[in-house]
Amino acid sequence: MIAPAPMTDASECARITLVHARTFSLASKLLPTEKRRAAYALYAFCRVADDLVDQADQGNLAALRVQLDAYRDQLQAALDGRPSGPIFREMAWVTRAYDVAPDPLFELLDGVGRDLEAHTYATWAELEQYCEGVASSVGEMCTYVFGVPAGPAMRTKAIQYARTLGTAMQLTNILRDVGEDAHRGRCYLPAEDMARFGLTPQDVLTRGASLVREPGWARLMAFEVSRARALYDAAMPGIALLASDAQRCAAACATGYAGILNAIEAQGYDTISSRARIGRLARVGILWNAWRYRAPTPDLSALGHGPRIVWEPNTASANTDTLIRLA
């Protein structure tokens, strides 16, 4: 039996979260103490892995692969009851206390490992697969911690919604961080989507802020923002499946990240020269609205199939090539 990790370990995971995750740190205040501690451990585990691969350049890829493999070995040791270091002692406790399946944990490491290989994506299907690895996996982890009172079968459905929310949040990250990623030699925007508006990934990697003045840029970003919003819409019904003491946190995460899309629009889709941010007052408003959030009683027969997404142009718009809707 694995004993709870020392509170100093929990404090280290909390420190990592509070330093790096504004939206999540705010949302986590709506969780009960033990679930908040568990969520901080999951975030710290994911963050350290992500920071590791963010150091990548052509000269150190082999060394970073060795480090990521070592991180994977530390995770396996923790799951086997032999944790070392604050994060993995916390992870050993979390996975045992909340019966977190190991698959999404290793999926996350596989996902971040792709940043040591692919720096461009040809299609939305390829990018979606990447988002699944680095973010949908996190939604699945959190579902175990948040809890699904309707039982294991409905938890499977709740995980499907959480994974869709993870994809929405990762796409939001990508749209927010276009400039920062370009400095690292990465362009996540699908080449197929860019071609639709007369652009290429190489434009993002080489042209800098001048690209924003191209007419196709705003249209491309509007297209991707609407894709992200459709994903949020698809994911939101799943919040009602979560335990009542976690619903407000999940709602705050979803609405907080969706708010970044508004900030992207407000700065004219220029996320190359500056990062879109939600102001402090807006973040407080998100927290307040989440505090008042009450999920509707779910219609389990309607939610049982999980989110279904069909992409097609929004024919209600005069500019059909810039919008996507959920059908």
C-alpha atoms as a PDB file:
ATOM      1  CA  MET A   1       0.000   0.000   0.000  1.00  0.00           C
ATOM      2  CA  ILE A   2       1.442   3.371  -1.021  1.00  0.00           C
ATOM      3  CA  ALA A   3       1.179   5.985   1.707  1.00  0.00           C
ATOM      4  CA  PRO A   4       0.231   9.556   0.828  1.00  0.00           C
ATOM      5  CA  ALA A   5       3.251  11.562  -0.263  1.00  0.00           C
ATOM      6  CA  PRO A   6       4.646  14.180   2.131  1.00  0.00           C
ATOM      7  CA  MET A   7       3.018  17.595   2.003  1.00  0.00           C
ATOM      8  CA  THR A   8       6.347  19.077   0.895  1.00  0.00           C
ATOM      9  CA  ASP A   9       5.909  17.078  -2.321  1.00  0.00           C
ATOM     10  CA  ALA A  10       2.402  18.459  -2.724  1.00  0.00           C
ATOM     11  CA  SER A  11       3.752  21.961  -2.168  1.00  0.00           C
ATOM     12  CA  GLU A  12       6.274  21.533  -4.980  1.00  0.00           C
ATOM     13  CA  CYS A  13       3.546  20.426  -7.397  1.00  0.00           C
ATOM     14  CA  ALA A  14       1.399  23.373  -6.287  1.00  0.00           C
ATOM     15  CA  ARG A  15       4.330  25.736  -6.857  1.00  0.00           C
ATOM     16  CA  ILE A  16       4.839  24.498 -10.426  1.00  0.00           C
ATOM     17  CA  THR A  17       1.130  24.899 -11.145  1.00  0.00           C
ATOM     18  CA  LEU A  18       0.839  28.388  -9.671  1.00  0.00           C
ATOM     19  CA  VAL A  19       3.892  29.615 -11.596  1.00  0.00           C
ATOM     20  CA  HIS A  20       2.907  28.273 -15.007  1.00  0.00           C
ATOM     21  CA  ALA A  21      -0.888  27.877 -15.232  1.00  0.00           C
ATOM     22  CA  ARG A  22      -2.922  31.021 -14.639  1.00  0.00           C
ATOM     23  CA  THR A  23      -6.262  29.684 -15.812  1.00  0.00           C
ATOM     24  CA  PHE A  24      -5.885  26.267 -14.225  1.00  0.00           C
ATOM     25  CA  SER A  25      -4.578  27.717 -10.951  1.00  0.00           C
ATOM     26  CA  LEU A  26      -7.660  29.911 -10.749  1.00  0.00           C
ATOM     27  CA  ALA A  27     -10.031  27.098 -11.667  1.00  0.00           C
ATOM     28  CA  SER A  28      -8.453  24.683  -9.193  1.00  0.00           C
ATOM     29  CA  LYS A  29      -9.525  26.911  -6.306  1.00  0.00           C
ATOM     30  CA  LEU A  30     -13.033  25.588  -6.940  1.00  0.00           C
ATOM     31  CA  LEU A  31     -11.975  22.019  -6.126  1.00  0.00           C
ATOM     32  CA  PRO A  32     -12.036  20.460  -2.654  1.00  0.00           C
ATOM     33  CA  THR A  33      -8.601  20.299  -1.040  1.00  0.00           C
ATOM     34  CA  GLU A  34      -7.672  16.698  -1.845  1.00  0.00           C
ATOM     35  CA  LYS A  35      -8.817  16.853  -5.468  1.00  0.00           C
ATOM     36  CA  ARG A  36      -6.936  20.130  -5.869  1.00  0.00           C
ATOM     37  CA  ARG A  37      -3.771  18.478  -4.596  1.00  0.00           C
ATOM     38  CA  ALA A  38      -4.276  15.621  -7.048  1.00  0.00           C
ATOM     39  CA  ALA A  39      -4.877  18.032  -9.933  1.00  0.00           C
ATOM     40  CA  TYR A  40      -1.673  19.912  -9.079  1.00  0.00           C
ATOM     41  CA  ALA A  41       0.273  16.645  -9.203  1.00  0.00           C
ATOM     42  CA  LEU A  42      -1.105  15.817 -12.642  1.00  0.00           C
ATOM     43  CA  TYR A  43      -0.341  19.304 -13.914  1.00  0.00           C
ATOM     44  CA  ALA A  44       3.234  19.228 -12.565  1.00  0.00           C
ATOM     45  CA  PHE A  45       3.846  15.824 -14.165  1.00  0.00           C
ATOM     46  CA  CYS A  46       2.618  17.084 -17.545  1.00  0.00           C
ATOM     47  CA  ARG A  47       4.361  20.450 -17.285  1.00  0.00           C
ATOM     48  CA  VAL A  48       7.819  19.061 -16.572  1.00  0.00           C
ATOM     49  CA  ALA A  49       7.537  16.689 -19.539  1.00  0.00           C
ATOM     50  CA  ASP A  50       6.411  19.530 -21.811  1.00  0.00           C
ATOM     51  CA  ASP A  51       9.191  21.842 -20.630  1.00  0.00           C
ATOM     52  CA  LEU A  52      11.707  19.127 -21.341  1.00  0.00           C
ATOM     53  CA  VAL A  53      10.874  18.886 -25.049  1.00  0.00           C
ATOM     54  CA  ASP A  54      10.499  22.662 -25.372  1.00  0.00           C
ATOM     55  CA  GLN A  55      14.294  22.828 -25.042  1.00  0.00           C
ATOM     56  CA  ALA A  56      14.626  21.021 -28.360  1.00  0.00           C
ATOM     57  CA  ASP A  57      16.883  22.197 -31.145  1.00  0.00           C
ATOM     58  CA  GLN A  58      18.713  20.217 -33.797  1.00  0.00           C
ATOM     59  CA  GLY A  59      21.800  19.872 -31.625  1.00  0.00           C
ATOM     60  CA  ASN A  60      20.269  18.223 -28.546  1.00  0.00           C
ATOM     61  CA  LEU A  61      17.478  15.953 -29.771  1.00  0.00           C
ATOM     62  CA  ALA A  62      19.244  12.714 -28.904  1.00  0.00           C
ATOM     63  CA  ALA A  63      19.986  13.890 -25.359  1.00  0.00           C
ATOM     64  CA  LEU A  64      16.378  15.018 -24.845  1.00  0.00           C
ATOM     65  CA  ARG A  65      15.064  11.661 -26.049  1.00  0.00           C
ATOM     66  CA  VAL A  66      17.239   9.987 -23.406  1.00  0.00           C
ATOM     67  CA  GLN A  67      15.858  12.361 -20.751  1.00  0.00           C
ATOM     68  CA  LEU A  68      12.272  11.741 -21.837  1.00  0.00           C
ATOM     69  CA  ASP A  69      12.875   7.980 -21.713  1.00  0.00           C
ATOM     70  CA  ALA A  70      14.257   8.402 -18.195  1.00  0.00           C
ATOM     71  CA  TYR A  71      11.153  10.391 -17.241  1.00  0.00           C
ATOM     72  CA  ARG A  72       9.022   7.550 -18.600  1.00  0.00           C
ATOM     73  CA  ASP A  73      11.015   5.074 -16.508  1.00  0.00           C
ATOM     74  CA  GLN A  74      10.410   7.229 -13.414  1.00  0.00           C
ATOM     75  CA  LEU A  75       6.687   7.142 -14.106  1.00  0.00           C
ATOM     76  CA  GLN A  76       6.699   3.371 -14.464  1.00  0.00           C
ATOM     77  CA  ALA A  77       8.668   3.027 -11.231  1.00  0.00           C
ATOM     78  CA  ALA A  78       6.119   5.240  -9.452  1.00  0.00           C
ATOM     79  CA  LEU A  79       3.255   3.125 -10.747  1.00  0.00           C
ATOM     80  CA  ASP A  80       5.125   0.047  -9.550  1.00  0.00           C
ATOM     81  CA  GLY A  81       5.358   1.497  -6.037  1.00  0.00           C
ATOM     82  CA  ARG A  82       8.944   2.785  -6.268  1.00  0.00           C
ATOM     83  CA  PRO A  83       8.515   6.564  -6.692  1.00  0.00           C
ATOM     84  CA  SER A  84      11.427   9.001  -6.517  1.00  0.00           C
ATOM     85  CA  GLY A  85      11.267  12.775  -6.244  1.00  0.00           C
ATOM     86  CA  PRO A  86       8.361  15.055  -5.308  1.00  0.00           C
ATOM     87  CA  ILE A  87       6.361  14.797  -8.542  1.00  0.00           C
ATOM     88  CA  PHE A  88       6.513  11.037  -8.835  1.00  0.00           C
ATOM     89  CA  ARG A  89       5.797  10.478  -5.147  1.00  0.00           C
ATOM     90  CA  GLU A  90       2.683  12.562  -5.665  1.00  0.00           C
ATOM     91  CA  MET A  91       1.858  10.677  -8.853  1.00  0.00           C
ATOM     92  CA  ALA A  92       2.139   7.357  -7.034  1.00  0.00           C
ATOM     93  CA  TRP A  93      -0.378   8.630  -4.498  1.00  0.00           C
ATOM     94  CA  VAL A  94      -2.746  10.142  -7.081  1.00  0.00           C
ATOM     95  CA  THR A  95      -2.892   7.094  -9.325  1.00  0.00           C
ATOM     96  CA  ARG A  96      -3.624   4.842  -6.368  1.00  0.00           C
ATOM     97  CA  ALA A  97      -6.079   7.165  -4.597  1.00  0.00           C
ATOM     98  CA  TYR A  98      -8.121   7.927  -7.723  1.00  0.00           C
ATOM     99  CA  ASP A  99      -7.527   4.746  -9.712  1.00  0.00           C
ATOM    100  CA  VAL A 100      -6.045   6.744 -12.612  1.00  0.00           C
ATOM    101  CA  ALA A 101      -5.424   4.469 -15.567  1.00  0.00           C
ATOM    102  CA  PRO A 102      -1.796   4.419 -16.760  1.00  0.00           C
ATOM    103  CA  ASP A 103      -2.663   4.675 -20.465  1.00  0.00           C
ATOM    104  CA  PRO A 104      -3.267   8.460 -20.591  1.00  0.00           C
ATOM    105  CA  LEU A 105      -0.100   9.071 -18.565  1.00  0.00           C
ATOM    106  CA  PHE A 106       2.080   7.294 -21.110  1.00  0.00           C
ATOM    107  CA  GLU A 107       0.012   8.750 -23.956  1.00  0.00           C
ATOM    108  CA  LEU A 108       0.992  12.218 -22.717  1.00  0.00           C
ATOM    109  CA  LEU A 109       4.682  11.314 -22.849  1.00  0.00           C
ATOM    110  CA  ASP A 110       4.292   9.881 -26.342  1.00  0.00           C
ATOM    111  CA  GLY A 111       2.484  13.065 -27.354  1.00  0.00           C
ATOM    112  CA  VAL A 112       5.098  15.503 -26.107  1.00  0.00           C
ATOM    113  CA  GLY A 113       7.748  13.277 -27.645  1.00  0.00           C
ATOM    114  CA  ARG A 114       6.346  14.134 -31.066  1.00  0.00           C
ATOM    115  CA  ASP A 115       7.760  17.631 -30.618  1.00  0.00           C
ATOM    116  CA  LEU A 116      11.183  16.025 -30.906  1.00  0.00           C
ATOM    117  CA  GLU A 117      10.193  14.837 -34.387  1.00  0.00           C
ATOM    118  CA  ALA A 118       7.364  16.568 -36.321  1.00  0.00           C
ATOM    119  CA  HIS A 119       7.283  20.355 -36.398  1.00  0.00           C
ATOM    120  CA  THR A 120       4.598  20.741 -39.078  1.00  0.00           C
ATOM    121  CA  TYR A 121       1.260  19.025 -39.730  1.00  0.00           C
ATOM    122  CA  ALA A 122      -0.304  18.396 -43.121  1.00  0.00           C
ATOM    123  CA  THR A 123      -3.973  18.078 -42.153  1.00  0.00           C
ATOM    124  CA  TRP A 124      -6.368  18.681 -39.280  1.00  0.00           C
ATOM    125  CA  ALA A 125      -6.519  14.905 -38.750  1.00  0.00           C
ATOM    126  CA  GLU A 126      -2.756  14.865 -38.117  1.00  0.00           C
ATOM    127  CA  LEU A 127      -2.915  17.851 -35.767  1.00  0.00           C
ATOM    128  CA  GLU A 128      -5.897  16.369 -33.954  1.00  0.00           C
ATOM    129  CA  GLN A 129      -3.863  13.236 -33.274  1.00  0.00           C
ATOM    130  CA  TYR A 130      -1.144  15.412 -31.751  1.00  0.00           C
ATOM    131  CA  CYS A 131      -3.721  17.280 -29.639  1.00  0.00           C
ATOM    132  CA  GLU A 132      -5.088  13.949 -28.437  1.00  0.00           C
ATOM    133  CA  GLY A 133      -1.659  12.950 -27.190  1.00  0.00           C
ATOM    134  CA  VAL A 134      -0.663  16.135 -25.397  1.00  0.00           C
ATOM    135  CA  ALA A 135      -4.038  17.386 -24.150  1.00  0.00           C
ATOM    136  CA  SER A 136      -6.895  14.907 -24.523  1.00  0.00           C
ATOM    137  CA  SER A 137      -4.792  12.593 -22.374  1.00  0.00           C
ATOM    138  CA  VAL A 138      -4.807  15.278 -19.664  1.00  0.00           C
ATOM    139  CA  GLY A 139      -8.590  15.562 -19.842  1.00  0.00           C
ATOM    140  CA  GLU A 140      -8.816  11.823 -19.322  1.00  0.00           C
ATOM    141  CA  MET A 141      -6.476  11.927 -16.301  1.00  0.00           C
ATOM    142  CA  CYS A 142      -8.514  14.703 -14.725  1.00  0.00           C
ATOM    143  CA  THR A 143     -11.773  12.799 -15.197  1.00  0.00           C
ATOM    144  CA  TYR A 144     -10.535  10.106 -12.827  1.00  0.00           C
ATOM    145  CA  VAL A 145      -9.701  12.725 -10.197  1.00  0.00           C
ATOM    146  CA  PHE A 146     -12.869  14.753 -10.689  1.00  0.00           C
ATOM    147  CA  GLY A 147     -15.036  11.660 -10.401  1.00  0.00           C
ATOM    148  CA  VAL A 148     -18.112  10.403 -12.270  1.00  0.00           C
ATOM    149  CA  PRO A 149     -20.799   9.309  -9.785  1.00  0.00           C
ATOM    150  CA  ALA A 150     -22.927   7.464 -12.383  1.00  0.00           C
ATOM    151  CA  GLY A 151     -20.373   4.638 -12.450  1.00  0.00           C
ATOM    152  CA  PRO A 152     -17.646   3.166 -14.688  1.00  0.00           C
ATOM    153  CA  ALA A 153     -19.750   2.895 -17.860  1.00  0.00           C
ATOM    154  CA  MET A 154     -20.720   6.554 -17.719  1.00  0.00           C
ATOM    155  CA  ARG A 155     -17.144   7.468 -16.782  1.00  0.00           C
ATOM    156  CA  THR A 156     -16.112   6.092 -20.164  1.00  0.00           C
ATOM    157  CA  LYS A 157     -18.509   8.567 -21.793  1.00  0.00           C
ATOM    158  CA  ALA A 158     -17.341  11.401 -19.555  1.00  0.00           C
ATOM    159  CA  ILE A 159     -13.779  10.682 -20.664  1.00  0.00           C
ATOM    160  CA  GLN A 160     -14.830  11.093 -24.304  1.00  0.00           C
ATOM    161  CA  TYR A 161     -16.181  14.559 -23.540  1.00  0.00           C
ATOM    162  CA  ALA A 162     -13.095  15.444 -21.498  1.00  0.00           C
ATOM    163  CA  ARG A 163     -10.826  14.377 -24.321  1.00  0.00           C
ATOM    164  CA  THR A 164     -12.747  16.621 -26.730  1.00  0.00           C
ATOM    165  CA  LEU A 165     -12.316  19.498 -24.292  1.00  0.00           C
ATOM    166  CA  GLY A 166      -8.594  18.758 -24.183  1.00  0.00           C
ATOM    167  CA  THR A 167      -8.397  19.013 -27.961  1.00  0.00           C
ATOM    168  CA  ALA A 168     -10.243  22.350 -27.862  1.00  0.00           C
ATOM    169  CA  MET A 169      -7.847  23.704 -25.252  1.00  0.00           C
ATOM    170  CA  GLN A 170      -4.749  22.547 -27.119  1.00  0.00           C
ATOM    171  CA  LEU A 171      -5.970  24.084 -30.364  1.00  0.00           C
ATOM    172  CA  THR A 172      -6.520  27.302 -28.404  1.00  0.00           C
ATOM    173  CA  ASN A 173      -2.927  27.103 -27.149  1.00  0.00           C
ATOM    174  CA  ILE A 174      -1.696  26.658 -30.711  1.00  0.00           C
ATOM    175  CA  LEU A 175      -3.639  29.673 -31.985  1.00  0.00           C
ATOM    176  CA  ARG A 176      -2.421  31.783 -29.056  1.00  0.00           C
ATOM    177  CA  ASP A 177       1.253  30.808 -29.415  1.00  0.00           C
ATOM    178  CA  VAL A 178       1.863  30.991 -33.176  1.00  0.00           C
ATOM    179  CA  GLY A 179       4.750  33.434 -32.804  1.00  0.00           C
ATOM    180  CA  GLU A 180       6.399  31.657 -29.876  1.00  0.00           C
ATOM    181  CA  ASP A 181       6.213  28.321 -31.652  1.00  0.00           C
ATOM    182  CA  ALA A 182       7.647  29.827 -34.843  1.00  0.00           C
ATOM    183  CA  HIS A 183      10.716  30.953 -32.860  1.00  0.00           C
ATOM    184  CA  ARG A 184      11.202  27.281 -31.950  1.00  0.00           C
ATOM    185  CA  GLY A 185      10.919  26.284 -35.606  1.00  0.00           C
ATOM    186  CA  ARG A 186       7.410  24.894 -35.221  1.00  0.00           C
ATOM    187  CA  CYS A 187       4.187  25.580 -37.078  1.00  0.00           C
ATOM    188  CA  TYR A 188       1.230  23.557 -35.863  1.00  0.00           C
ATOM    189  CA  LEU A 189      -1.381  25.100 -38.180  1.00  0.00           C
ATOM    190  CA  PRO A 190      -2.432  22.414 -40.689  1.00  0.00           C
ATOM    191  CA  ALA A 191      -0.837  22.975 -44.092  1.00  0.00           C
ATOM    192  CA  GLU A 192      -4.069  21.924 -45.813  1.00  0.00           C
ATOM    193  CA  ASP A 193      -6.014  24.646 -43.974  1.00  0.00           C
ATOM    194  CA  MET A 194      -3.332  27.228 -44.693  1.00  0.00           C
ATOM    195  CA  ALA A 195      -3.344  26.415 -48.405  1.00  0.00           C
ATOM    196  CA  ARG A 196      -7.055  27.143 -48.454  1.00  0.00           C
ATOM    197  CA  PHE A 197      -6.178  30.762 -47.688  1.00  0.00           C
ATOM    198  CA  GLY A 198      -3.070  31.028 -49.860  1.00  0.00           C
ATOM    199  CA  LEU A 199      -0.552  30.463 -47.065  1.00  0.00           C
ATOM    200  CA  THR A 200       2.058  27.874 -46.117  1.00  0.00           C
ATOM    201  CA  PRO A 201       3.737  26.772 -42.874  1.00  0.00           C
ATOM    202  CA  GLN A 202       6.954  28.231 -44.241  1.00  0.00           C
ATOM    203  CA  ASP A 203       5.286  31.649 -44.222  1.00  0.00           C
ATOM    204  CA  VAL A 204       4.779  31.330 -40.471  1.00  0.00           C
ATOM    205  CA  LEU A 205       8.331  30.160 -39.908  1.00  0.00           C
ATOM    206  CA  THR A 206      10.033  32.865 -41.987  1.00  0.00           C
ATOM    207  CA  ARG A 207       7.880  35.944 -42.474  1.00  0.00           C
ATOM    208  CA  GLY A 208       7.226  36.978 -38.885  1.00  0.00           C
ATOM    209  CA  ALA A 209       4.734  39.726 -38.068  1.00  0.00           C
ATOM    210  CA  SER A 210       4.463  40.831 -41.713  1.00  0.00           C
ATOM    211  CA  LEU A 211       2.328  37.753 -42.323  1.00  0.00           C
ATOM    212  CA  VAL A 212      -0.498  39.303 -40.313  1.00  0.00           C
ATOM    213  CA  ARG A 213      -0.999  41.901 -43.056  1.00  0.00           C
ATOM    214  CA  GLU A 214      -1.840  39.184 -45.584  1.00  0.00           C
ATOM    215  CA  PRO A 215      -5.641  39.038 -46.156  1.00  0.00           C
ATOM    216  CA  GLY A 216      -5.582  35.273 -45.844  1.00  0.00           C
ATOM    217  CA  TRP A 217      -4.173  35.348 -42.328  1.00  0.00           C
ATOM    218  CA  ALA A 218      -7.271  36.713 -40.587  1.00  0.00           C
ATOM    219  CA  ARG A 219      -9.466  34.356 -42.591  1.00  0.00           C
ATOM    220  CA  LEU A 220      -7.322  31.366 -41.628  1.00  0.00           C
ATOM    221  CA  MET A 221      -7.370  32.302 -37.954  1.00  0.00           C
ATOM    222  CA  ALA A 222     -11.131  32.878 -37.999  1.00  0.00           C
ATOM    223  CA  PHE A 223     -11.493  29.425 -39.534  1.00  0.00           C
ATOM    224  CA  GLU A 224      -9.423  27.798 -36.786  1.00  0.00           C
ATOM    225  CA  VAL A 225     -11.064  29.826 -33.990  1.00  0.00           C
ATOM    226  CA  SER A 226     -14.459  28.599 -35.132  1.00  0.00           C
ATOM    227  CA  ARG A 227     -13.122  25.038 -35.134  1.00  0.00           C
ATOM    228  CA  ALA A 228     -12.004  25.479 -31.531  1.00  0.00           C
ATOM    229  CA  ARG A 229     -15.377  26.915 -30.511  1.00  0.00           C
ATOM    230  CA  ALA A 230     -17.170  23.957 -32.087  1.00  0.00           C
ATOM    231  CA  LEU A 231     -14.999  21.625 -30.024  1.00  0.00           C
ATOM    232  CA  TYR A 232     -15.851  23.523 -26.817  1.00  0.00           C
ATOM    233  CA  ASP A 233     -19.554  23.309 -27.686  1.00  0.00           C
ATOM    234  CA  ALA A 234     -19.229  19.572 -28.216  1.00  0.00           C
ATOM    235  CA  ALA A 235     -17.395  19.051 -24.926  1.00  0.00           C
ATOM    236  CA  MET A 236     -19.505  21.141 -22.535  1.00  0.00           C
ATOM    237  CA  PRO A 237     -22.366  18.630 -21.978  1.00  0.00           C
ATOM    238  CA  GLY A 238     -19.868  16.249 -20.418  1.00  0.00           C
ATOM    239  CA  ILE A 239     -19.371  18.522 -17.396  1.00  0.00           C
ATOM    240  CA  ALA A 240     -22.779  17.424 -16.114  1.00  0.00           C
ATOM    241  CA  LEU A 241     -21.440  13.865 -15.795  1.00  0.00           C
ATOM    242  CA  LEU A 242     -18.736  14.876 -13.314  1.00  0.00           C
ATOM    243  CA  ALA A 243     -19.025  14.857  -9.541  1.00  0.00           C
ATOM    244  CA  SER A 244     -20.762  17.995  -8.304  1.00  0.00           C
ATOM    245  CA  ASP A 245     -17.684  19.170  -6.375  1.00  0.00           C
ATOM    246  CA  ALA A 246     -15.637  19.225  -9.602  1.00  0.00           C
ATOM    247  CA  GLN A 247     -18.111  20.661 -12.098  1.00  0.00           C
ATOM    248  CA  ARG A 248     -17.306  24.287 -11.364  1.00  0.00           C
ATOM    249  CA  CYS A 249     -13.566  23.717 -11.836  1.00  0.00           C
ATOM    250  CA  ALA A 250     -14.159  21.995 -15.181  1.00  0.00           C
ATOM    251  CA  ALA A 251     -16.471  24.811 -16.255  1.00  0.00           C
ATOM    252  CA  ALA A 252     -13.878  27.430 -15.277  1.00  0.00           C
ATOM    253  CA  CYS A 253     -11.180  25.645 -17.287  1.00  0.00           C
ATOM    254  CA  ALA A 254     -13.433  25.406 -20.342  1.00  0.00           C
ATOM    255  CA  THR A 255     -14.753  28.978 -20.253  1.00  0.00           C
ATOM    256  CA  GLY A 256     -11.363  30.405 -19.293  1.00  0.00           C
ATOM    257  CA  TYR A 257      -9.606  28.833 -22.223  1.00  0.00           C
ATOM    258  CA  ALA A 258     -12.459  29.617 -24.596  1.00  0.00           C
ATOM    259  CA  GLY A 259     -12.047  33.240 -23.495  1.00  0.00           C
ATOM    260  CA  ILE A 260      -8.573  33.235 -25.031  1.00  0.00           C
ATOM    261  CA  LEU A 261     -10.271  32.953 -28.419  1.00  0.00           C
ATOM    262  CA  ASN A 262     -11.991  36.281 -27.718  1.00  0.00           C
ATOM    263  CA  ALA A 263      -8.620  37.816 -26.873  1.00  0.00           C
ATOM    264  CA  ILE A 264      -7.170  36.502 -30.150  1.00  0.00           C
ATOM    265  CA  GLU A 265      -9.985  38.157 -32.073  1.00  0.00           C
ATOM    266  CA  ALA A 266      -9.622  41.381 -30.097  1.00  0.00           C
ATOM    267  CA  GLN A 267      -6.008  41.800 -31.222  1.00  0.00           C
ATOM    268  CA  GLY A 268      -6.855  41.271 -34.865  1.00  0.00           C
ATOM    269  CA  TYR A 269      -5.627  37.660 -34.926  1.00  0.00           C
ATOM    270  CA  ASP A 270      -2.018  38.823 -34.481  1.00  0.00           C
ATOM    271  CA  THR A 271      -0.586  36.060 -32.338  1.00  0.00           C
ATOM    272  CA  ILE A 272       2.720  36.234 -34.165  1.00  0.00           C
ATOM    273  CA  SER A 273       4.065  39.446 -32.620  1.00  0.00           C
ATOM    274  CA  SER A 274       2.284  39.074 -29.249  1.00  0.00           C
ATOM    275  CA  ARG A 275       0.562  36.449 -27.163  1.00  0.00           C
ATOM    276  CA  ALA A 276      -3.174  36.848 -26.577  1.00  0.00           C
ATOM    277  CA  ARG A 277      -3.968  37.099 -22.873  1.00  0.00           C
ATOM    278  CA  ILE A 278      -7.064  37.352 -20.731  1.00  0.00           C
ATOM    279  CA  GLY A 279      -6.930  40.341 -18.388  1.00  0.00           C
ATOM    280  CA  ARG A 280      -7.030  39.949 -14.634  1.00  0.00           C
ATOM    281  CA  LEU A 281     -10.538  41.365 -14.350  1.00  0.00           C
ATOM    282  CA  ALA A 282     -11.786  38.948 -16.998  1.00  0.00           C
ATOM    283  CA  ARG A 283     -10.176  36.028 -15.144  1.00  0.00           C
ATOM    284  CA  VAL A 284     -11.932  37.041 -11.945  1.00  0.00           C
ATOM    285  CA  GLY A 285     -15.196  37.196 -13.895  1.00  0.00           C
ATOM    286  CA  ILE A 286     -14.608  33.681 -15.209  1.00  0.00           C
ATOM    287  CA  LEU A 287     -14.021  32.430 -11.675  1.00  0.00           C
ATOM    288  CA  TRP A 288     -17.160  34.162 -10.411  1.00  0.00           C
ATOM    289  CA  ASN A 289     -19.297  32.750 -13.212  1.00  0.00           C
ATOM    290  CA  ALA A 290     -17.864  29.294 -12.591  1.00  0.00           C
ATOM    291  CA  TRP A 291     -18.632  29.613  -8.873  1.00  0.00           C
ATOM    292  CA  ARG A 292     -22.268  30.188  -9.767  1.00  0.00           C
ATOM    293  CA  TYR A 293     -22.239  27.396 -12.364  1.00  0.00           C
ATOM    294  CA  ARG A 294     -24.801  24.661 -11.959  1.00  0.00           C
ATOM    295  CA  ALA A 295     -24.694  21.947 -14.563  1.00  0.00           C
ATOM    296  CA  PRO A 296     -28.103  20.848 -15.848  1.00  0.00           C
ATOM    297  CA  THR A 297     -29.286  17.401 -14.906  1.00  0.00           C
ATOM    298  CA  PRO A 298     -27.878  15.292 -17.716  1.00  0.00           C
ATOM    299  CA  ASP A 299     -30.057  13.358 -20.105  1.00  0.00           C
ATOM    300  CA  LEU A 300     -28.010  10.191 -19.958  1.00  0.00           C
ATOM    301  CA  SER A 301     -29.674   8.758 -23.036  1.00  0.00           C
ATOM    302  CA  ALA A 302     -28.643  11.824 -25.045  1.00  0.00           C
ATOM    303  CA  LEU A 303     -25.132  11.963 -23.621  1.00  0.00           C
ATOM    304  CA  GLY A 304     -24.497   8.261 -23.860  1.00  0.00           C
ATOM    305  CA  HIS A 305     -23.004   8.386 -27.351  1.00  0.00           C
ATOM    306  CA  GLY A 306     -20.413  11.020 -26.401  1.00  0.00           C
ATOM    307  CA  PRO A 307     -19.573  14.006 -28.598  1.00  0.00           C
ATOM    308  CA  ARG A 308     -20.065  13.543 -32.328  1.00  0.00           C
ATOM    309  CA  ILE A 309     -18.355  16.020 -34.577  1.00  0.00           C
ATOM    310  CA  VAL A 310     -18.966  16.570 -38.274  1.00  0.00           C
ATOM    311  CA  TRP A 311     -17.105  19.433 -39.902  1.00  0.00           C
ATOM    312  CA  GLU A 312     -18.725  21.393 -42.710  1.00  0.00           C
ATOM    313  CA  PRO A 313     -18.951  25.006 -43.880  1.00  0.00           C
ATOM    314  CA  ASN A 314     -21.480  27.204 -42.118  1.00  0.00           C
ATOM    315  CA  THR A 315     -23.850  27.916 -44.987  1.00  0.00           C
ATOM    316  CA  ALA A 316     -25.637  30.553 -42.916  1.00  0.00           C
ATOM    317  CA  SER A 317     -22.595  32.770 -43.365  1.00  0.00           C
ATOM    318  CA  ALA A 318     -21.915  34.752 -46.488  1.00  0.00           C
ATOM    319  CA  ASN A 319     -18.222  33.960 -46.084  1.00  0.00           C
ATOM    320  CA  THR A 320     -18.468  30.196 -45.977  1.00  0.00           C
ATOM    321  CA  ASP A 321     -14.772  29.476 -46.305  1.00  0.00           C
ATOM    322  CA  THR A 322     -13.913  31.171 -42.996  1.00  0.00           C
ATOM    323  CA  LEU A 323     -16.281  29.404 -40.654  1.00  0.00           C
ATOM    324  CA  ILE A 324     -16.774  25.853 -39.449  1.00  0.00           C
ATOM    325  CA  ARG A 325     -19.724  24.698 -37.452  1.00  0.00           C
ATOM    326  CA  LEU A 326     -20.589  21.609 -35.476  1.00  0.00           C
ATOM    327  CA  ALA A 327     -23.187  19.567 -37.349  1.00  0.00           C
END
